[in-house]
Structures are given as structure tokens and as C-alpha cells.
Amino acid sequence: MPALDRTSLGPRATLLGSVLVASLTLVVRPVTDTDFWLHSATGRWIVEHGRLPAHDLFTYTVPGHLWVNHEYLSEVLLWLLQRWLGLAGVSVAFGLLTWLGLLLVLAACRPGRRPYAIAGVALALAALAGAPVWGARPQMVTFALVALELLWLRRALDDGSRAILWLPAVMVLWSNLHGGWPIGFLFLGVAMAAGALRWLASRRPEDLALVRRLALVAALSAVAVGVNPNGPAIYGYPLQTLASAAQQNLIAEWASPNFHLVSLRAFEVMALLLVAGLAVGRPSAFDVLAALAGLALALESVRHVAIFVAAATPVVVVTWSDAWSRLAPRALASRPRPLPPRWAPAIGAVTLVAVSAVVGTRIAGDLAAQPALTAETVPAGAADWLAGHPETGSRMFNEYAWGGYLADRFAPDPRRRVYVLSEGVLMGDAQLERYHEVATLGPGWRRILDDDRVDYVVFDRGSALDDVLAAEPGWRLVYRDRTAVVYVRA
């Protein structure tokens, strides 16, 4: 048997393939992100009307607010997937998109040139680190495209590849799928800085040419972002999010990681390995700058852990591979590698089939639990009750995360417009602050409910607002289940 056949499913391919297949259990998961329902409702509206919404569609509180829909194309895709394939199809499609991002991250690790055990462990840790943010959400578009861009940038810096010239075309798609496209410019800037440092040290014409090429790509990409039905307003949208004190303070995903949470342990370990690897390895300027940029983003906001995974995983592999090459016994490093036994490909194939079977069974079981998870994460029972009781009223106060589900369930019924949606820029800081005052029982919570003429409240069971309304004169409990409560004015 030729050597190529005997090594095609050797230990390297078996380990890395098993890790990749196993990671599917982390990225193909039931729909639990409550924002999904707002995306679905918006996508349905766009398909039905053949245009983008120009203002808020679903609330009675801020109907005049202008809407710069930065992710309309993802929302249309989410709605069509749900319509044609159900929630299971949505989970599989966006899980595969995330998995493609992990595949691109692995390619950037150059597993053929590095110890495969280090690459495998780093990839497994990366998949676990991103677990808190993986899901059927438009942010996965940004993760996959950042992974692609970083792969192209590494190839440009290491091998002189010109694949990065495709980035402006990618930017056209990116700016229509998700508002995370500024991160692409961040890493372009990192690459230009690394290239400039290399040119200052070498004074080679080819290094200067690379910097100029990246600058051209950046300029063309800036123009490409504007190929968007929102027009020039798309450029200002990310700044509106970053400048919103209410969003930064009130929305959990914009908060810094809470390292007391078990779900963030893998990210914590990976961050520590990154810092230690930068100290013991021999990273390039691009490795250092890209990894630190990714780490800074993740420490600023937990939603950027996915960006950290894309930027830091190859650096962890590079630095610890460098450390291993120096620490490994000289005899081990120089010893010729024997070909694996003739039966090694068969063992590898059996292993991959077994892992795939376990993973497939696990994913099928997880997706079968979708109805129960939906009932736990959104007020499905409360919505059923409201549908059967149209006399309840027409002005709702709802839990922030549930606005999208209730909008998706009832729009365009004017009697069931919501108080707030999980689209912070659209709501505006003033509306978010009013919501927060009531939800946290601030001093003016009663006044706000009266001023806004709220007829009924749909909120978390067991919340502080639930406890207070239960004893508050003028309010009456009409519905309660394991997830939600409904109170109406007495």
C-alpha cells in the first residue's frame, strides 16, 4: 500500500477530524436565543412587503424611531429557513455556518506544519470557549467572515498570498448580513501595522508593497460597505451601538465576561494559555497584535468571545508549538517518524464513524427538545392565553427579551404591540431607561406604567416585578405558568 494511503487516515487526521465532528454538538443547538423571534418577524415582514422597514413596526412606544436594519439579509434567511425547514433547519444551517468558521480557524493554525495534538487541543478548547455565544444568530456570520479574513491575512503575511484582494467583495455581503463588519477593518489595521513593522525592520520592497496592498483593500472595503439599501446610514450604525450608555449598561451580552460562570471556564483557560504562550513562544508581530485585539474585545463584551476564538486559536497553536519544539528532547525531535501500521486507516475510519454516530444521536436528541426549550425561554403559554382573551387590553408591558417573540406571534395586531424590543438602537436610550426603571422597580416605576397607560404586564415568573404586582392594589394576576405571568389592571 502506498505511503499516502497509509497516512491519509493516520493519527493526525483521526484526531483533528474527531475534534471537528465532536464540535458539531456545540454549534448545532436548539434555538434558545430570544432575539431569534424578532429576526424572524422582521424577515417575514421584509419578504411580505419587498422592502426594508424604515421605522419601528412592533411597539406602541417608539413607532416613529428610524430603523437602520443592519442585518436584514440574515433575517430574511432566518425566516425562510424557519418557513421551509422549521426550527431544526435553522439550527442546522447556522450550526454549519459556525462550524465552517471553526474549520477556517483550523486552517489558519496550519495543522500540517504543527504538532497535531496541540492543534487538536486548541481547536477543542476554542469550540468550548465559544459555547456561550454559538447559536442561530446573525453574529455567527461575523464569526465566520472574521475567521476567513484572518486566514487570508495570515497567508498574505506569511506566503504573499493575494486572496485578501477578495475582501471588498466579502464586505458587500458582510454589511448586508450583520453589523459586525467594523471588526474586519480592525484586523486589516492590525495586519497593516504588523506589515509596517516588518518593513521598518527589513526595508524590503515586497514588505512595503504588502502594506500598500492592504491599504488598497481597506479603501475598497470602505466603499464596499456602502453597497447597502440603508445607504450612508449603515456607516453610523455601529457607532450608535457603541455610544449608547443604556445598551452598554443594561444588555447582558455587552457586559464583560463573568468568570464566576462555569460556561466561561474554557474561555478563561484559553485566555491564560494565550498570555502564557505569547511569553514562551516566538510570536510574530501580527500574532501578538491580532491576539491582543481579540482578547481586548472579549474582555470588553462577552458577545465578542467568538472573535477572540477566531483571532487567538492560531496564536495559541503557533506559540505552544514553538515552545514544544524547544522543550522536546533532541532525540525525539530528530527521530524519524515511522509509517503507521497498515491497519491504522481502518482504525481511523472506525473512530470517525463512531464519533459521527454519537454526535448525530446527540444532536438529534437536542433538536427534539426544541418545543420544551421554547416553552422555557419565551412566554408561549402566556401568548396562548392572550390570544384567547382579546379583551385584556392593547398596551402591554413586556420583558425586554420577550418583545421579539410576542411581536412575531401577534404582529400586525394593533392590540398586541409590545413595549420594548431587543433592538437597542431602534428603541433608543430613553425608552431603554424607562423599561429598566419599571423592571428593576426604580422610584418611578408606578408613574411610568400610568403615564404609558399600560393595560397588562407580561413578565418573568418569580421576578421582583411579579412579586410586587402580586400585592399591588389595582393589579390582578390572570395567568401564571413555569415561565411567565400576566397581570391586568383591576
Protein backbone atom coordinates (compact mmCIF):
# COMPACT_ATOMS: atom_id res chain seq x y z
CA MET A 1 0.00 0.00 0.00
CA PRO A 2 1.44 3.41 -0.91
CA ALA A 3 2.57 5.61 1.91
CA LEU A 4 -0.05 8.24 1.06
CA ASP A 5 -2.88 5.77 1.54
CA ARG A 6 -1.43 4.54 4.82
CA THR A 7 -1.21 8.03 6.29
CA SER A 8 -4.40 9.59 4.91
CA LEU A 9 -6.33 8.43 7.98
CA GLY A 10 -3.46 8.35 10.40
CA PRO A 11 -3.43 9.76 13.94
CA ARG A 12 -3.35 13.38 12.75
CA ALA A 13 -6.43 13.12 10.53
CA THR A 14 -8.25 10.96 13.06
CA LEU A 15 -7.68 13.32 15.98
CA LEU A 16 -8.44 16.55 14.12
CA GLY A 17 -11.39 15.01 12.32
CA SER A 18 -12.82 13.69 15.58
CA VAL A 19 -12.50 17.10 17.23
CA LEU A 20 -14.17 18.80 14.28
CA VAL A 21 -17.04 16.32 14.23
CA ALA A 22 -17.46 16.46 18.01
CA SER A 23 -17.60 20.27 17.88
CA LEU A 24 -20.86 19.98 15.94
CA THR A 25 -22.60 19.16 19.24
CA LEU A 26 -21.63 22.63 20.47
CA VAL A 27 -22.63 24.62 17.39
CA VAL A 28 -25.73 22.77 16.15
CA ARG A 29 -28.07 23.52 19.02
CA PRO A 30 -31.76 24.27 19.55
CA VAL A 31 -32.96 27.84 19.14
CA THR A 32 -32.78 29.45 22.57
CA ASP A 33 -31.68 32.97 21.67
CA THR A 34 -34.78 35.09 22.27
CA ASP A 35 -33.59 37.58 19.64
CA PHE A 36 -34.33 34.93 17.01
CA TRP A 37 -38.03 35.71 17.08
CA LEU A 38 -37.51 39.39 16.32
CA HIS A 39 -35.23 38.44 13.43
CA SER A 40 -37.87 36.04 12.15
CA ALA A 41 -40.69 38.57 12.45
CA THR A 42 -38.64 41.21 10.66
CA GLY A 43 -37.58 38.79 7.93
CA ARG A 44 -41.20 37.82 7.35
CA TRP A 45 -42.22 41.49 7.07
CA ILE A 46 -39.44 42.19 4.56
CA VAL A 47 -40.44 39.22 2.39
CA GLU A 48 -44.12 40.16 2.51
CA HIS A 49 -43.54 43.85 1.71
CA GLY A 50 -40.49 43.59 -0.55
CA ARG A 51 -38.60 46.38 1.22
CA LEU A 52 -36.81 47.21 4.44
CA PRO A 53 -38.70 48.73 7.37
CA ALA A 54 -37.98 52.44 7.66
CA HIS A 55 -39.21 52.76 11.26
CA ASP A 56 -40.23 50.64 14.22
CA LEU A 57 -43.00 48.18 13.35
CA PHE A 58 -43.81 46.36 16.54
CA THR A 59 -44.08 48.75 19.52
CA TYR A 60 -46.62 51.36 20.54
CA THR A 61 -43.96 53.31 22.44
CA VAL A 62 -41.46 54.36 19.75
CA PRO A 63 -43.23 53.81 16.40
CA GLY A 64 -41.57 56.90 14.91
CA HIS A 65 -37.99 55.76 15.56
CA LEU A 66 -35.97 55.30 12.37
CA TRP A 67 -34.72 51.77 11.73
CA VAL A 68 -31.31 51.13 10.18
CA ASN A 69 -31.64 47.39 9.68
CA HIS A 70 -28.02 46.26 9.58
CA GLU A 71 -28.78 42.53 9.38
CA TYR A 72 -31.83 42.39 7.13
CA LEU A 73 -30.38 39.72 4.83
CA SER A 74 -29.70 37.37 7.76
CA GLU A 75 -33.24 37.99 9.00
CA VAL A 76 -34.70 37.07 5.63
CA LEU A 77 -32.61 33.89 5.61
CA LEU A 78 -33.72 33.02 9.16
CA TRP A 79 -37.37 33.49 8.24
CA LEU A 80 -37.10 31.44 5.05
CA LEU A 81 -35.25 28.65 6.85
CA GLN A 82 -37.90 28.56 9.55
CA ARG A 83 -40.69 28.58 6.99
CA TRP A 84 -39.23 25.82 4.84
CA LEU A 85 -37.34 23.64 7.35
CA GLY A 86 -38.64 24.57 10.78
CA LEU A 87 -36.53 25.47 13.78
CA ALA A 88 -34.44 22.32 13.33
CA GLY A 89 -33.42 23.55 9.89
CA VAL A 90 -32.46 26.93 11.35
CA SER A 91 -30.33 25.21 13.99
CA VAL A 92 -28.54 23.00 11.47
CA ALA A 93 -27.93 25.78 8.93
CA PHE A 94 -26.45 28.27 11.39
CA GLY A 95 -24.62 25.49 13.20
CA LEU A 96 -22.91 24.55 9.94
CA LEU A 97 -22.06 28.22 9.34
CA THR A 98 -20.38 28.36 12.75
CA TRP A 99 -18.65 25.04 12.07
CA LEU A 100 -17.32 26.46 8.81
CA GLY A 101 -15.80 29.27 10.88
CA LEU A 102 -14.09 26.71 13.11
CA LEU A 103 -12.81 24.92 10.01
CA LEU A 104 -11.29 28.19 8.78
CA VAL A 105 -9.74 28.74 12.21
CA LEU A 106 -8.16 25.28 11.99
CA ALA A 107 -6.84 26.07 8.51
CA ALA A 108 -5.20 29.22 9.92
CA CYS A 109 -3.47 27.01 12.52
CA ARG A 110 -1.67 25.19 9.66
CA PRO A 111 -2.18 21.79 11.32
CA GLY A 112 0.02 20.10 8.72
CA ARG A 113 3.05 22.06 9.99
CA ARG A 114 2.32 21.97 13.74
CA PRO A 115 2.08 19.13 16.28
CA TYR A 116 -1.37 17.80 15.66
CA ALA A 117 -2.01 17.15 19.35
CA ILE A 118 -1.54 20.85 20.11
CA ALA A 119 -3.78 21.84 17.20
CA GLY A 120 -6.45 19.37 18.30
CA VAL A 121 -6.48 20.51 21.92
CA ALA A 122 -6.56 24.18 20.87
CA LEU A 123 -9.46 23.57 18.49
CA ALA A 124 -11.44 21.67 21.13
CA LEU A 125 -10.81 24.44 23.64
CA ALA A 126 -11.85 27.05 21.07
CA ALA A 127 -15.15 25.27 20.41
CA LEU A 128 -15.82 25.09 24.16
CA ALA A 129 -14.79 28.71 24.72
CA GLY A 130 -17.32 29.92 22.17
CA ALA A 131 -20.16 27.78 23.53
CA PRO A 132 -21.84 30.68 25.40
CA VAL A 133 -22.30 32.61 22.16
CA TRP A 134 -22.80 29.92 19.49
CA GLY A 135 -26.34 29.67 18.18
CA ALA A 136 -28.81 30.55 15.43
CA ARG A 137 -28.00 34.25 15.35
CA PRO A 138 -26.61 36.71 12.80
CA GLN A 139 -23.43 37.17 14.87
CA MET A 140 -22.27 33.81 13.52
CA VAL A 141 -21.92 35.47 10.11
CA THR A 142 -19.36 37.84 11.59
CA PHE A 143 -17.52 34.98 13.30
CA ALA A 144 -17.21 33.00 10.05
CA LEU A 145 -16.17 36.04 8.00
CA VAL A 146 -13.61 37.17 10.60
CA ALA A 147 -12.14 33.66 10.52
CA LEU A 148 -11.95 33.86 6.71
CA GLU A 149 -10.35 37.30 6.76
CA LEU A 150 -7.76 36.28 9.37
CA LEU A 151 -6.87 33.22 7.30
CA TRP A 152 -6.32 35.43 4.24
CA LEU A 153 -4.30 37.96 6.24
CA ARG A 154 -2.04 35.25 7.65
CA ARG A 155 -1.46 33.82 4.19
CA ALA A 156 -0.70 37.31 2.84
CA LEU A 157 1.85 37.98 5.57
CA ASP A 158 3.41 34.51 5.55
CA ASP A 159 3.27 33.45 1.91
CA GLY A 160 2.49 36.59 -0.08
CA SER A 161 -0.97 35.25 -1.00
CA ARG A 162 -3.25 37.70 -2.79
CA ALA A 163 -6.50 36.11 -1.63
CA ILE A 164 -7.10 39.12 0.64
CA LEU A 165 -7.94 41.08 -2.51
CA TRP A 166 -11.34 39.36 -2.36
CA LEU A 167 -12.17 41.08 0.94
CA PRO A 168 -14.01 44.08 -0.63
CA ALA A 169 -16.40 41.65 -2.33
CA VAL A 170 -16.89 39.89 1.01
CA MET A 171 -17.53 43.27 2.66
CA VAL A 172 -20.50 43.88 0.37
CA LEU A 173 -22.08 40.69 1.66
CA TRP A 174 -20.94 41.28 5.26
CA SER A 175 -22.51 44.74 5.60
CA ASN A 176 -25.85 43.35 4.42
CA LEU A 177 -25.76 40.34 6.76
CA HIS A 178 -24.59 41.78 10.08
CA GLY A 179 -23.32 44.98 11.62
CA GLY A 180 -20.08 43.40 12.85
CA TRP A 181 -18.19 44.45 9.70
CA PRO A 182 -16.08 47.12 11.55
CA ILE A 183 -14.16 44.22 13.11
CA GLY A 184 -12.92 43.44 9.62
CA PHE A 185 -11.31 46.87 9.46
CA LEU A 186 -9.80 46.37 12.91
CA PHE A 187 -7.88 43.30 11.75
CA LEU A 188 -6.95 44.96 8.47
CA GLY A 189 -5.38 47.72 10.55
CA VAL A 190 -3.59 45.15 12.69
CA ALA A 191 -2.17 43.50 9.57
CA MET A 192 -1.03 46.83 8.14
CA ALA A 193 0.67 47.71 11.43
CA ALA A 194 2.42 44.32 11.51
CA GLY A 195 3.49 44.71 7.88
CA ALA A 196 4.80 48.22 8.51
CA LEU A 197 6.85 46.98 11.47
CA ARG A 198 8.30 44.24 9.31
CA TRP A 199 9.18 46.71 6.57
CA LEU A 200 10.86 49.06 9.07
CA ALA A 201 13.00 46.13 10.22
CA SER A 202 13.80 44.71 6.77
CA ARG A 203 13.40 47.60 4.30
CA ARG A 204 12.44 45.02 1.69
CA PRO A 205 10.32 46.36 -1.19
CA GLU A 206 7.98 43.38 -1.03
CA ASP A 207 7.07 44.20 2.58
CA LEU A 208 6.20 47.77 1.66
CA ALA A 209 4.19 46.51 -1.32
CA LEU A 210 2.15 44.31 1.02
CA VAL A 211 1.31 47.26 3.26
CA ARG A 212 0.20 49.25 0.22
CA ARG A 213 -1.91 46.33 -0.99
CA LEU A 214 -3.64 46.06 2.39
CA ALA A 215 -4.28 49.81 2.40
CA LEU A 216 -5.90 49.49 -1.03
CA VAL A 217 -8.04 46.60 0.24
CA ALA A 218 -9.11 48.73 3.20
CA ALA A 219 -10.08 51.65 0.97
CA LEU A 220 -12.05 49.44 -1.42
CA SER A 221 -13.70 47.68 1.50
CA ALA A 222 -14.81 51.00 2.98
CA VAL A 223 -16.57 51.77 -0.30
CA ALA A 224 -18.00 48.24 -0.47
CA VAL A 225 -19.74 48.59 2.90
CA GLY A 226 -21.92 51.32 1.37
CA VAL A 227 -23.37 48.90 -1.20
CA ASN A 228 -26.35 48.54 1.10
CA PRO A 229 -30.03 49.54 0.88
CA ASN A 230 -29.62 51.55 4.10
CA GLY A 231 -27.28 53.89 2.24
CA PRO A 232 -24.75 56.02 4.14
CA ALA A 233 -26.64 55.38 7.41
CA ILE A 234 -25.00 51.93 7.56
CA TYR A 235 -21.68 53.58 8.38
CA GLY A 236 -23.05 55.23 11.51
CA TYR A 237 -24.95 52.26 12.92
CA PRO A 238 -22.02 50.63 14.80
CA LEU A 239 -21.17 53.98 16.41
CA GLN A 240 -24.76 54.28 17.68
CA THR A 241 -24.40 50.97 19.47
CA LEU A 242 -21.00 51.75 20.98
CA ALA A 243 -22.11 55.24 22.07
CA SER A 244 -25.29 54.00 23.78
CA ALA A 245 -24.77 54.06 27.54
CA ALA A 246 -28.10 52.30 28.08
CA GLN A 247 -27.18 49.37 25.83
CA GLN A 248 -23.73 49.00 27.36
CA ASN A 249 -25.15 49.05 30.89
CA LEU A 250 -28.43 47.17 30.51
CA ILE A 251 -27.84 44.44 27.91
CA ALA A 252 -26.10 41.40 29.36
CA GLU A 253 -24.22 40.46 26.18
CA TRP A 254 -22.47 43.82 26.12
CA ALA A 255 -21.14 43.28 29.65
CA SER A 256 -17.66 41.97 30.40
CA PRO A 257 -17.36 38.20 30.98
CA ASN A 258 -18.32 36.96 34.44
CA PHE A 259 -15.58 34.45 35.20
CA HIS A 260 -17.64 33.01 38.06
CA LEU A 261 -19.82 31.32 35.42
CA VAL A 262 -18.90 27.74 34.60
CA SER A 263 -19.81 28.34 30.95
CA LEU A 264 -16.85 30.74 30.64
CA ARG A 265 -14.22 28.42 32.12
CA ALA A 266 -12.96 27.33 28.70
CA PHE A 267 -12.58 30.96 27.61
CA GLU A 268 -10.70 31.69 30.83
CA VAL A 269 -8.33 28.78 30.28
CA MET A 270 -7.78 29.74 26.67
CA ALA A 271 -7.02 33.35 27.61
CA LEU A 272 -4.44 32.19 30.15
CA LEU A 273 -2.86 29.83 27.61
CA LEU A 274 -2.70 32.67 25.12
CA VAL A 275 -0.90 35.03 27.50
CA ALA A 276 1.50 32.30 28.62
CA GLY A 277 2.09 31.26 25.01
CA LEU A 278 2.97 34.80 23.99
CA ALA A 279 5.58 34.75 26.76
CA VAL A 280 7.15 31.35 25.98
CA GLY A 281 6.70 31.15 22.21
CA ARG A 282 8.06 33.17 19.31
CA PRO A 283 5.03 35.03 18.00
CA SER A 284 5.13 37.35 15.03
CA ALA A 285 4.01 40.94 15.34
CA PHE A 286 0.73 40.01 13.69
CA ASP A 287 0.22 37.13 16.15
CA VAL A 288 0.70 39.46 19.11
CA LEU A 289 -1.45 42.30 17.80
CA ALA A 290 -4.29 40.11 16.50
CA ALA A 291 -4.45 38.01 19.67
CA LEU A 292 -4.41 41.05 21.94
CA ALA A 293 -7.08 42.75 19.84
CA GLY A 294 -9.30 39.68 20.10
CA LEU A 295 -8.68 39.40 23.84
CA ALA A 296 -9.48 43.08 24.40
CA LEU A 297 -12.76 42.74 22.52
CA ALA A 298 -13.76 39.65 24.52
CA LEU A 299 -12.88 41.23 27.86
CA GLU A 300 -14.94 44.28 26.92
CA SER A 301 -18.02 42.28 25.90
CA VAL A 302 -18.87 38.60 26.24
CA ARG A 303 -20.51 38.62 22.79
CA HIS A 304 -17.01 39.06 21.31
CA VAL A 305 -15.70 35.78 22.70
CA ALA A 306 -16.31 34.34 19.21
CA ILE A 307 -13.95 36.96 17.75
CA PHE A 308 -11.37 36.02 20.36
CA VAL A 309 -11.67 32.38 19.28
CA ALA A 310 -11.01 33.32 15.65
CA ALA A 311 -8.05 35.56 16.45
CA ALA A 312 -6.38 33.67 19.30
CA THR A 313 -6.63 29.97 18.42
CA PRO A 314 -3.92 30.04 15.69
CA VAL A 315 -1.68 32.05 18.02
CA VAL A 316 -2.09 29.51 20.81
CA VAL A 317 -1.11 26.76 18.36
CA VAL A 318 1.88 28.70 16.99
CA THR A 319 3.32 29.77 20.34
CA TRP A 320 2.93 26.45 22.12
CA SER A 321 4.27 24.59 19.07
CA ASP A 322 7.34 26.82 19.22
CA ALA A 323 7.71 26.12 22.94
CA TRP A 324 7.33 22.38 22.35
CA SER A 325 9.99 22.37 19.63
CA ARG A 326 12.46 23.85 22.13
CA LEU A 327 11.43 21.77 25.13
CA ALA A 328 11.09 18.38 23.43
CA PRO A 329 14.07 16.06 23.82
CA ARG A 330 16.50 16.46 20.95
CA ALA A 331 16.45 12.75 20.27
CA LEU A 332 12.67 12.75 19.98
CA ALA A 333 12.75 15.74 17.64
CA SER A 334 15.32 14.12 15.34
CA ARG A 335 13.91 10.61 15.40
CA PRO A 336 12.42 9.61 12.02
CA ARG A 337 8.69 9.14 12.07
CA PRO A 338 7.69 5.58 11.28
CA LEU A 339 4.79 4.96 8.97
CA PRO A 340 1.62 3.95 10.84
CA PRO A 341 0.68 0.27 10.63
CA ARG A 342 -1.29 -0.92 7.63
CA TRP A 343 -4.41 -1.20 9.76
CA ALA A 344 -4.17 2.43 11.00
CA PRO A 345 -6.51 3.85 8.28
CA ALA A 346 -9.13 1.27 9.23
CA ILE A 347 -8.85 2.24 12.90
CA GLY A 348 -9.12 5.91 11.93
CA ALA A 349 -12.19 5.29 9.79
CA VAL A 350 -13.91 3.28 12.54
CA THR A 351 -13.12 6.02 15.06
CA LEU A 352 -14.57 8.75 12.86
CA VAL A 353 -17.69 6.70 12.12
CA ALA A 354 -18.18 6.02 15.84
CA VAL A 355 -17.71 9.68 16.76
CA SER A 356 -20.09 10.73 13.98
CA ALA A 357 -22.74 8.29 15.20
CA VAL A 358 -22.52 9.56 18.76
CA VAL A 359 -22.59 13.18 17.60
CA GLY A 360 -25.54 12.58 15.28
CA THR A 361 -27.51 10.91 18.05
CA ARG A 362 -26.71 13.72 20.48
CA ILE A 363 -27.72 16.44 18.02
CA ALA A 364 -30.96 14.66 17.12
CA GLY A 365 -31.85 14.39 20.80
CA ASP A 366 -31.05 18.05 21.43
CA LEU A 367 -33.13 19.24 18.48
CA ALA A 368 -36.04 17.05 19.56
CA ALA A 369 -36.13 19.02 22.82
CA GLN A 370 -36.88 22.27 20.94
CA PRO A 371 -40.59 22.55 21.96
CA ALA A 372 -39.79 22.18 25.65
CA LEU A 373 -36.92 24.68 25.41
CA THR A 374 -39.11 27.17 23.59
CA ALA A 375 -41.70 26.97 26.37
CA GLU A 376 -38.95 27.65 28.92
CA THR A 377 -37.27 30.58 27.14
CA VAL A 378 -40.25 32.55 25.79
CA PRO A 379 -43.82 33.12 27.07
CA ALA A 380 -45.51 30.67 24.71
CA GLY A 381 -48.24 29.78 27.22
CA ALA A 382 -48.86 33.40 28.12
CA ALA A 383 -49.16 34.24 24.41
CA ASP A 384 -51.73 31.47 24.00
CA TRP A 385 -53.73 32.95 26.89
CA LEU A 386 -53.56 36.44 25.38
CA ALA A 387 -54.71 35.12 22.02
CA GLY A 388 -57.81 33.71 23.72
CA HIS A 389 -58.54 36.88 25.69
CA PRO A 390 -58.65 39.84 23.28
CA GLU A 391 -60.43 41.94 25.92
CA THR A 392 -57.25 42.10 28.05
CA GLY A 393 -56.21 45.47 26.64
CA SER A 394 -54.00 46.92 23.95
CA ARG A 395 -50.95 48.36 25.79
CA MET A 396 -48.54 45.75 27.03
CA PHE A 397 -45.51 46.00 29.29
CA ASN A 398 -43.26 43.08 28.40
CA GLU A 399 -39.96 41.58 29.46
CA TYR A 400 -37.20 43.00 27.21
CA ALA A 401 -36.01 39.66 25.83
CA TRP A 402 -39.58 38.55 25.01
CA GLY A 403 -40.53 41.51 22.83
CA GLY A 404 -39.39 39.79 19.65
CA TYR A 405 -41.33 36.59 20.38
CA LEU A 406 -44.52 38.49 21.19
CA ALA A 407 -44.08 40.62 18.07
CA ASP A 408 -43.55 37.51 15.96
CA ARG A 409 -46.60 35.87 17.50
CA PHE A 410 -49.06 38.75 17.17
CA ALA A 411 -47.93 41.30 14.56
CA PRO A 412 -49.61 43.17 12.98
CA ASP A 413 -52.44 43.01 15.57
CA PRO A 414 -52.55 46.58 16.99
CA ARG A 415 -53.91 45.27 20.31
CA ARG A 416 -50.73 43.30 20.93
CA ARG A 417 -47.98 45.77 20.13
CA VAL A 418 -45.13 45.49 22.61
CA TYR A 419 -43.50 47.97 24.99
CA VAL A 420 -39.87 47.22 24.18
CA LEU A 421 -37.82 45.11 21.74
CA SER A 422 -34.32 43.67 22.00
CA GLU A 423 -33.08 46.07 19.31
CA GLY A 424 -31.37 48.67 21.43
CA VAL A 425 -30.55 51.27 18.77
CA LEU A 426 -34.11 51.19 17.46
CA MET A 427 -35.55 51.59 20.97
CA GLY A 428 -33.23 54.45 21.94
CA ASP A 429 -31.66 55.10 25.31
CA ALA A 430 -34.69 56.93 26.72
CA GLN A 431 -37.03 54.00 26.10
CA LEU A 432 -34.50 51.50 27.44
CA GLU A 433 -34.13 53.57 30.61
CA ARG A 434 -37.91 53.71 31.09
CA TYR A 435 -38.11 49.95 30.72
CA HIS A 436 -35.26 49.45 33.17
CA GLU A 437 -36.93 51.74 35.75
CA VAL A 438 -40.01 49.51 35.80
CA ALA A 439 -38.23 46.17 35.50
CA THR A 440 -35.95 46.95 38.45
CA LEU A 441 -38.69 48.70 40.49
CA GLY A 442 -36.99 52.07 40.41
CA PRO A 443 -38.61 55.01 42.23
CA GLY A 444 -40.75 55.96 39.23
CA TRP A 445 -42.00 52.56 38.15
CA ARG A 446 -45.66 53.15 39.03
CA ARG A 447 -45.67 56.56 37.37
CA ILE A 448 -44.20 55.13 34.13
CA LEU A 449 -46.84 52.39 33.92
CA ASP A 450 -49.53 55.02 34.47
CA ASP A 451 -48.05 57.59 32.07
CA ASP A 452 -47.71 54.96 29.34
CA ARG A 453 -51.26 53.74 30.06
CA VAL A 454 -50.15 50.11 30.34
CA ASP A 455 -53.13 47.72 30.42
CA TYR A 456 -51.32 44.49 31.21
CA VAL A 457 -47.88 43.12 32.08
CA VAL A 458 -46.20 40.01 30.66
CA PHE A 459 -43.09 39.26 32.69
CA ASP A 460 -40.83 36.62 34.24
CA ARG A 461 -42.39 34.45 36.90
CA GLY A 462 -40.59 34.94 40.20
CA SER A 463 -39.13 38.30 39.21
CA ALA A 464 -39.19 41.30 41.53
CA LEU A 465 -41.91 42.87 39.38
CA ASP A 466 -44.01 39.71 39.70
CA ASP A 467 -43.66 39.74 43.49
CA VAL A 468 -44.65 43.41 43.78
CA LEU A 469 -47.60 43.28 41.39
CA ALA A 470 -48.98 40.28 43.28
CA ALA A 471 -49.56 42.57 46.27
CA GLU A 472 -50.09 45.85 44.40
CA PRO A 473 -53.59 47.36 44.57
CA GLY A 474 -55.02 47.86 41.13
CA TRP A 475 -53.38 44.83 39.52
CA ARG A 476 -54.74 41.31 39.19
CA LEU A 477 -52.96 38.06 38.27
CA VAL A 478 -54.76 36.33 35.40
CA TYR A 479 -52.17 33.84 34.15
CA ARG A 480 -49.16 32.03 35.54
CA ASP A 481 -47.01 29.13 34.31
CA ARG A 482 -43.43 28.00 34.90
CA THR A 483 -42.07 30.78 32.69
CA ALA A 484 -44.33 33.82 32.66
CA VAL A 485 -47.05 35.72 34.48
CA VAL A 486 -49.72 38.07 33.15
CA TYR A 487 -51.16 40.86 35.26
CA VAL A 488 -54.01 43.14 34.20
CA ARG A 489 -55.30 46.33 35.75
CA ALA A 490 -58.09 45.51 38.16
